[in-house]
Amino acid sequence: MSATLTIGEASASSGVSPDALRYYEEEGIIGPLGRDASNRRRFSESDIAWIGVVTCMREAGLGISELRVFAALLRGGDTSEDPVTFLRGRRAALAARADLLAQAIDVLDDKISYFSRMSASEDGTSAHVSG
C-alpha cells in the first residue's frame, strides 16, 4: 500500500470504525494524519500499522488515557517513563488479569461438571461430560 487511504478505506483495512479513528486522532492517540486538498484525513501505511498496535493495546485492556501516555512516550513528548517500563507495567497487569481469568474459568469448569453430573443423575443417564 503506497497510496494513502481515506477514512472509510482505513476503517475497512483496520477494522476500526471511522468514528473511533476520528476519536483516536482527537485524543492524540493516532496522527498527526495527512490531509488532502479538501482537508479530509488521509491514512498512510504507517498510520494503519500504528492503528493495529492501538487495537492490540485496547484489546489488552489499556484505556484511552494509557494509550495517550503511550503515544506521547513514543513521540518523545513524555519523559516521565520510558516505553519499555510502561509496557512492562501493562504486561504485568495483563498477566495478573489473565491469572484471575484462568481461576474463574477453572471455577466455571468445576460448576459445569458438577451440574452436568447432577442433571445426568436426575435423568438417570450417564454423567459423561465431553471435554
N, C-alpha and C. Protein backbone atom coordinates (compact mmCIF):
# COMPACT_ATOMS: atom_id res chain seq x y z
N MET A 1 0.86 -1.18 0.00
CA MET A 1 0.00 0.00 0.00
C MET A 1 0.90 1.23 0.00
N SER A 2 1.05 1.88 -1.15
CA SER A 2 1.88 3.07 -1.21
C SER A 2 1.03 4.33 -1.21
N ALA A 3 -0.19 4.25 -1.71
CA ALA A 3 -1.08 5.40 -1.70
C ALA A 3 -1.71 5.52 -0.33
N THR A 4 -2.16 6.70 -0.02
CA THR A 4 -2.85 6.90 1.25
C THR A 4 -4.31 6.48 1.12
N LEU A 5 -4.91 6.23 2.26
CA LEU A 5 -6.29 5.75 2.30
C LEU A 5 -7.22 6.81 2.87
N THR A 6 -8.46 6.78 2.41
CA THR A 6 -9.50 7.61 3.00
C THR A 6 -9.87 7.03 4.37
N ILE A 7 -10.67 7.73 5.13
CA ILE A 7 -11.08 7.20 6.43
C ILE A 7 -11.90 5.93 6.28
N GLY A 8 -12.74 5.85 5.25
CA GLY A 8 -13.52 4.64 5.01
C GLY A 8 -12.62 3.45 4.66
N GLU A 9 -11.62 3.69 3.83
CA GLU A 9 -10.68 2.64 3.47
C GLU A 9 -9.83 2.23 4.67
N ALA A 10 -9.42 3.20 5.46
CA ALA A 10 -8.63 2.91 6.66
C ALA A 10 -9.46 2.11 7.65
N SER A 11 -10.73 2.44 7.75
CA SER A 11 -11.63 1.71 8.64
C SER A 11 -11.77 0.26 8.18
N ALA A 12 -11.98 0.07 6.89
CA ALA A 12 -12.12 -1.28 6.35
C ALA A 12 -10.82 -2.08 6.52
N SER A 13 -9.70 -1.42 6.33
CA SER A 13 -8.40 -2.09 6.43
C SER A 13 -8.05 -2.46 7.86
N SER A 14 -8.43 -1.60 8.82
CA SER A 14 -8.02 -1.79 10.21
C SER A 14 -9.08 -2.46 11.07
N GLY A 15 -10.34 -2.42 10.61
CA GLY A 15 -11.42 -2.96 11.43
C GLY A 15 -11.87 -2.01 12.53
N VAL A 16 -11.42 -0.77 12.47
CA VAL A 16 -11.79 0.25 13.46
C VAL A 16 -12.76 1.21 12.78
N SER A 17 -13.84 1.53 13.46
CA SER A 17 -14.86 2.39 12.84
C SER A 17 -14.32 3.79 12.55
N PRO A 18 -14.89 4.46 11.55
CA PRO A 18 -14.48 5.84 11.28
C PRO A 18 -14.62 6.74 12.50
N ASP A 19 -15.71 6.56 13.27
CA ASP A 19 -15.88 7.38 14.48
C ASP A 19 -14.74 7.17 15.46
N ALA A 20 -14.34 5.90 15.65
CA ALA A 20 -13.24 5.61 16.56
C ALA A 20 -11.93 6.19 16.04
N LEU A 21 -11.71 6.13 14.73
CA LEU A 21 -10.49 6.72 14.16
C LEU A 21 -10.45 8.23 14.40
N ARG A 22 -11.59 8.89 14.21
CA ARG A 22 -11.65 10.34 14.47
C ARG A 22 -11.37 10.63 15.95
N TYR A 23 -11.97 9.82 16.82
CA TYR A 23 -11.78 9.99 18.25
C TYR A 23 -10.31 9.80 18.64
N TYR A 24 -9.70 8.74 18.12
CA TYR A 24 -8.29 8.49 18.42
C TYR A 24 -7.42 9.65 17.96
N GLU A 25 -7.77 10.25 16.83
CA GLU A 25 -7.00 11.40 16.37
C GLU A 25 -7.21 12.60 17.31
N GLU A 26 -8.46 12.86 17.68
CA GLU A 26 -8.76 13.97 18.60
C GLU A 26 -8.02 13.81 19.93
N GLU A 27 -7.88 12.57 20.38
CA GLU A 27 -7.23 12.29 21.66
C GLU A 27 -5.70 12.24 21.54
N GLY A 28 -5.17 12.37 20.33
CA GLY A 28 -3.73 12.35 20.14
C GLY A 28 -3.14 10.95 20.15
N ILE A 29 -3.97 9.93 19.99
CA ILE A 29 -3.50 8.55 20.00
C ILE A 29 -2.97 8.15 18.64
N ILE A 30 -3.59 8.64 17.58
CA ILE A 30 -3.06 8.44 16.24
C ILE A 30 -2.81 9.82 15.63
N GLY A 31 -1.97 9.82 14.62
CA GLY A 31 -1.69 11.07 13.93
C GLY A 31 -0.39 11.70 14.40
N PRO A 32 -0.11 12.89 13.92
CA PRO A 32 -0.97 13.68 13.05
C PRO A 32 -1.13 13.02 11.68
N LEU A 33 -2.35 13.09 11.20
CA LEU A 33 -2.68 12.49 9.92
C LEU A 33 -2.50 13.50 8.80
N GLY A 34 -2.17 12.96 7.63
CA GLY A 34 -2.12 13.81 6.45
C GLY A 34 -3.53 14.23 6.06
N ARG A 35 -3.61 15.28 5.29
CA ARG A 35 -4.90 15.78 4.79
C ARG A 35 -4.79 16.02 3.30
N ASP A 36 -5.91 15.82 2.59
CA ASP A 36 -5.91 16.12 1.16
C ASP A 36 -6.29 17.59 0.95
N ALA A 37 -6.43 17.99 -0.30
CA ALA A 37 -6.74 19.39 -0.63
C ALA A 37 -8.07 19.83 -0.04
N SER A 38 -8.98 18.89 0.20
CA SER A 38 -10.28 19.22 0.79
C SER A 38 -10.27 19.05 2.31
N ASN A 39 -9.10 18.90 2.88
CA ASN A 39 -8.89 18.76 4.33
C ASN A 39 -9.47 17.45 4.89
N ARG A 40 -9.61 16.45 4.04
CA ARG A 40 -10.05 15.13 4.51
C ARG A 40 -8.84 14.33 4.96
N ARG A 41 -9.05 13.53 6.00
CA ARG A 41 -7.96 12.70 6.54
C ARG A 41 -7.46 11.72 5.48
N ARG A 42 -6.14 11.53 5.48
CA ARG A 42 -5.51 10.52 4.63
C ARG A 42 -4.61 9.68 5.53
N PHE A 43 -4.74 8.37 5.43
CA PHE A 43 -4.02 7.43 6.29
C PHE A 43 -2.91 6.76 5.49
N SER A 44 -1.70 6.83 6.03
CA SER A 44 -0.55 6.20 5.39
C SER A 44 -0.42 4.75 5.86
N GLU A 45 0.49 4.03 5.26
CA GLU A 45 0.77 2.65 5.66
C GLU A 45 1.21 2.61 7.12
N SER A 46 2.03 3.57 7.53
CA SER A 46 2.47 3.58 8.94
C SER A 46 1.33 3.94 9.88
N ASP A 47 0.40 4.78 9.43
CA ASP A 47 -0.79 5.07 10.25
C ASP A 47 -1.60 3.79 10.49
N ILE A 48 -1.79 3.00 9.44
CA ILE A 48 -2.55 1.75 9.55
C ILE A 48 -1.83 0.78 10.48
N ALA A 49 -0.52 0.70 10.37
CA ALA A 49 0.25 -0.18 11.26
C ALA A 49 0.09 0.28 12.71
N TRP A 50 0.16 1.58 12.96
CA TRP A 50 0.01 2.10 14.32
C TRP A 50 -1.40 1.83 14.85
N ILE A 51 -2.41 1.95 14.00
CA ILE A 51 -3.78 1.64 14.41
C ILE A 51 -3.86 0.17 14.85
N GLY A 52 -3.12 -0.70 14.18
CA GLY A 52 -3.06 -2.10 14.59
C GLY A 52 -2.48 -2.26 15.98
N VAL A 53 -1.45 -1.49 16.28
CA VAL A 53 -0.84 -1.52 17.63
C VAL A 53 -1.85 -1.00 18.65
N VAL A 54 -2.52 0.09 18.33
CA VAL A 54 -3.52 0.67 19.23
C VAL A 54 -4.63 -0.34 19.50
N THR A 55 -5.09 -1.01 18.45
CA THR A 55 -6.15 -2.01 18.59
C THR A 55 -5.70 -3.14 19.52
N CYS A 56 -4.49 -3.59 19.34
CA CYS A 56 -3.94 -4.65 20.19
C CYS A 56 -3.87 -4.18 21.64
N MET A 57 -3.42 -2.96 21.85
CA MET A 57 -3.32 -2.42 23.21
C MET A 57 -4.70 -2.27 23.85
N ARG A 58 -5.69 -1.87 23.07
CA ARG A 58 -7.06 -1.77 23.59
C ARG A 58 -7.56 -3.14 24.00
N GLU A 59 -7.31 -4.14 23.14
CA GLU A 59 -7.73 -5.50 23.45
C GLU A 59 -7.01 -6.03 24.69
N ALA A 60 -5.82 -5.53 24.95
CA ALA A 60 -5.06 -5.93 26.14
C ALA A 60 -5.53 -5.20 27.39
N GLY A 61 -6.49 -4.29 27.22
CA GLY A 61 -7.07 -3.63 28.38
C GLY A 61 -6.61 -2.21 28.64
N LEU A 62 -5.76 -1.65 27.78
CA LEU A 62 -5.35 -0.26 28.00
C LEU A 62 -6.51 0.66 27.71
N GLY A 63 -6.68 1.64 28.56
CA GLY A 63 -7.70 2.65 28.37
C GLY A 63 -7.18 3.80 27.51
N ILE A 64 -8.06 4.70 27.20
CA ILE A 64 -7.72 5.85 26.37
C ILE A 64 -6.59 6.67 27.00
N SER A 65 -6.67 6.92 28.30
CA SER A 65 -5.63 7.72 28.94
C SER A 65 -4.27 7.03 28.86
N GLU A 66 -4.25 5.70 29.01
CA GLU A 66 -2.99 4.97 28.90
C GLU A 66 -2.47 4.99 27.46
N LEU A 67 -3.38 4.91 26.51
CA LEU A 67 -2.96 5.00 25.11
C LEU A 67 -2.38 6.37 24.79
N ARG A 68 -2.97 7.42 25.37
CA ARG A 68 -2.42 8.77 25.19
C ARG A 68 -0.99 8.84 25.72
N VAL A 69 -0.78 8.29 26.92
CA VAL A 69 0.55 8.29 27.52
C VAL A 69 1.52 7.51 26.64
N PHE A 70 1.12 6.34 26.19
CA PHE A 70 1.98 5.51 25.35
C PHE A 70 2.34 6.24 24.06
N ALA A 71 1.36 6.84 23.40
CA ALA A 71 1.63 7.58 22.17
C ALA A 71 2.60 8.73 22.43
N ALA A 72 2.41 9.43 23.53
CA ALA A 72 3.31 10.54 23.88
C ALA A 72 4.72 10.03 24.16
N LEU A 73 4.83 8.89 24.83
CA LEU A 73 6.15 8.30 25.09
C LEU A 73 6.88 8.00 23.79
N LEU A 74 6.17 7.43 22.84
CA LEU A 74 6.80 7.07 21.58
C LEU A 74 7.17 8.28 20.74
N ARG A 75 6.43 9.34 20.91
CA ARG A 75 6.74 10.57 20.16
C ARG A 75 7.78 11.42 20.87
N GLY A 76 8.19 11.00 22.07
CA GLY A 76 9.18 11.74 22.83
C GLY A 76 8.59 12.91 23.58
N GLY A 77 7.27 12.99 23.67
CA GLY A 77 6.63 14.12 24.34
C GLY A 77 6.47 13.93 25.83
N ASP A 78 6.67 12.71 26.32
CA ASP A 78 6.51 12.42 27.74
C ASP A 78 7.75 11.69 28.20
N THR A 79 8.52 12.30 29.07
CA THR A 79 9.76 11.68 29.54
C THR A 79 9.63 11.16 30.96
N SER A 80 8.42 11.11 31.50
CA SER A 80 8.23 10.63 32.87
C SER A 80 8.50 9.13 32.98
N GLU A 81 8.45 8.43 31.87
CA GLU A 81 8.62 6.99 31.86
C GLU A 81 9.11 6.59 30.48
N ASP A 82 9.94 5.54 30.41
CA ASP A 82 10.36 5.10 29.09
C ASP A 82 9.37 4.05 28.58
N PRO A 83 9.30 3.85 27.27
CA PRO A 83 8.32 2.91 26.71
C PRO A 83 8.45 1.49 27.25
N VAL A 84 9.67 1.03 27.48
CA VAL A 84 9.86 -0.34 27.97
C VAL A 84 9.27 -0.49 29.37
N THR A 85 9.53 0.46 30.24
CA THR A 85 8.97 0.42 31.60
C THR A 85 7.45 0.47 31.54
N PHE A 86 6.92 1.35 30.71
CA PHE A 86 5.47 1.46 30.54
C PHE A 86 4.88 0.12 30.11
N LEU A 87 5.46 -0.48 29.07
CA LEU A 87 4.94 -1.73 28.54
C LEU A 87 5.10 -2.89 29.53
N ARG A 88 6.21 -2.91 30.26
CA ARG A 88 6.38 -3.95 31.28
C ARG A 88 5.31 -3.84 32.36
N GLY A 89 4.99 -2.63 32.76
CA GLY A 89 3.94 -2.43 33.76
C GLY A 89 2.59 -2.90 33.25
N ARG A 90 2.28 -2.59 32.00
CA ARG A 90 0.99 -3.01 31.43
C ARG A 90 0.96 -4.52 31.23
N ARG A 91 2.12 -5.10 30.87
CA ARG A 91 2.20 -6.55 30.71
C ARG A 91 1.96 -7.25 32.04
N ALA A 92 2.56 -6.74 33.11
CA ALA A 92 2.37 -7.34 34.43
C ALA A 92 0.90 -7.28 34.84
N ALA A 93 0.25 -6.16 34.58
CA ALA A 93 -1.17 -6.02 34.91
C ALA A 93 -2.01 -7.00 34.07
N LEU A 94 -1.67 -7.15 32.81
CA LEU A 94 -2.39 -8.07 31.94
C LEU A 94 -2.17 -9.53 32.38
N ALA A 95 -0.95 -9.86 32.78
CA ALA A 95 -0.66 -11.22 33.26
C ALA A 95 -1.45 -11.52 34.53
N ALA A 96 -1.55 -10.54 35.42
CA ALA A 96 -2.34 -10.73 36.64
C ALA A 96 -3.81 -10.93 36.29
N ARG A 97 -4.29 -10.18 35.34
CA ARG A 97 -5.68 -10.33 34.89
C ARG A 97 -5.90 -11.70 34.26
N ALA A 98 -4.92 -12.17 33.49
CA ALA A 98 -5.02 -13.49 32.86
C ALA A 98 -5.07 -14.58 33.93
N ASP A 99 -4.29 -14.42 35.00
CA ASP A 99 -4.33 -15.39 36.11
C ASP A 99 -5.72 -15.44 36.74
N LEU A 100 -6.30 -14.26 36.96
CA LEU A 100 -7.64 -14.21 37.54
C LEU A 100 -8.67 -14.84 36.61
N LEU A 101 -8.54 -14.58 35.33
CA LEU A 101 -9.46 -15.18 34.36
C LEU A 101 -9.30 -16.70 34.31
N ALA A 102 -8.07 -17.19 34.40
CA ALA A 102 -7.84 -18.64 34.42
C ALA A 102 -8.49 -19.27 35.65
N GLN A 103 -8.40 -18.59 36.79
CA GLN A 103 -9.04 -19.09 38.00
C GLN A 103 -10.56 -19.12 37.82
N ALA A 104 -11.10 -18.08 37.24
CA ALA A 104 -12.55 -18.02 37.01
C ALA A 104 -12.99 -19.13 36.06
N ILE A 105 -12.20 -19.40 35.04
CA ILE A 105 -12.52 -20.47 34.10
C ILE A 105 -12.51 -21.82 34.82
N ASP A 106 -11.53 -22.03 35.69
CA ASP A 106 -11.48 -23.27 36.48
C ASP A 106 -12.73 -23.45 37.32
N VAL A 107 -13.18 -22.38 37.97
CA VAL A 107 -14.40 -22.45 38.78
C VAL A 107 -15.60 -22.79 37.90
N LEU A 108 -15.70 -22.13 36.75
CA LEU A 108 -16.81 -22.42 35.83
C LEU A 108 -16.77 -23.86 35.34
N ASP A 109 -15.58 -24.35 35.01
CA ASP A 109 -15.46 -25.75 34.57
C ASP A 109 -15.91 -26.70 35.67
N ASP A 110 -15.53 -26.41 36.92
CA ASP A 110 -15.97 -27.25 38.04
C ASP A 110 -17.49 -27.23 38.17
N LYS A 111 -18.08 -26.07 38.04
CA LYS A 111 -19.54 -25.95 38.16
C LYS A 111 -20.25 -26.64 37.00
N ILE A 112 -19.71 -26.50 35.81
CA ILE A 112 -20.30 -27.18 34.65
C ILE A 112 -20.26 -28.69 34.88
N SER A 113 -19.14 -29.18 35.33
CA SER A 113 -19.00 -30.61 35.59
C SER A 113 -19.99 -31.05 36.67
N TYR A 114 -20.05 -30.30 37.75
CA TYR A 114 -20.95 -30.64 38.86
C TYR A 114 -22.41 -30.67 38.40
N PHE A 115 -22.85 -29.61 37.74
CA PHE A 115 -24.25 -29.55 37.33
C PHE A 115 -24.57 -30.53 36.21
N SER A 116 -23.59 -30.85 35.39
CA SER A 116 -23.80 -31.88 34.36
C SER A 116 -24.03 -33.23 35.01
N ARG A 117 -23.24 -33.54 36.05
CA ARG A 117 -23.42 -34.80 36.77
C ARG A 117 -24.78 -34.82 37.47
N MET A 118 -25.15 -33.69 38.08
CA MET A 118 -26.44 -33.61 38.77
C MET A 118 -27.59 -33.84 37.79
N SER A 119 -27.52 -33.18 36.66
CA SER A 119 -28.55 -33.30 35.65
C SER A 119 -28.62 -34.72 35.11
N ALA A 120 -27.47 -35.33 34.88
CA ALA A 120 -27.43 -36.68 34.35
C ALA A 120 -27.99 -37.67 35.36
N SER A 121 -27.69 -37.47 36.64
CA SER A 121 -28.20 -38.42 37.66
C SER A 121 -29.70 -38.26 37.83
N GLU A 122 -30.23 -37.07 37.67
CA GLU A 122 -31.68 -36.84 37.75
C GLU A 122 -32.40 -37.48 36.58
N ASP A 123 -31.73 -37.45 35.42
CA ASP A 123 -32.33 -38.02 34.21
C ASP A 123 -32.14 -39.55 34.16
N GLY A 124 -31.28 -40.05 35.05
CA GLY A 124 -30.98 -41.47 35.03
C GLY A 124 -30.06 -41.85 33.89
N THR A 125 -29.38 -40.84 33.33
CA THR A 125 -28.45 -41.11 32.24
C THR A 125 -27.04 -41.07 32.78
N SER A 126 -26.13 -41.40 31.93
CA SER A 126 -24.73 -41.38 32.29
C SER A 126 -24.25 -39.96 32.54
N ALA A 127 -23.25 -39.80 33.40
CA ALA A 127 -22.73 -38.48 33.77
C ALA A 127 -21.54 -38.13 32.90
N HIS A 128 -21.46 -38.68 31.70
CA HIS A 128 -20.31 -38.40 30.84
C HIS A 128 -20.36 -36.94 30.35
N VAL A 129 -19.24 -36.25 30.54
CA VAL A 129 -19.11 -34.86 30.05
C VAL A 129 -17.93 -34.84 29.11
N SER A 130 -18.16 -34.46 27.88
CA SER A 130 -17.05 -34.43 26.92
C SER A 130 -16.27 -33.16 27.10
N GLY A 131 -14.98 -33.22 26.87
CA GLY A 131 -14.11 -32.07 27.07
C GLY A 131 -13.57 -31.64 25.84
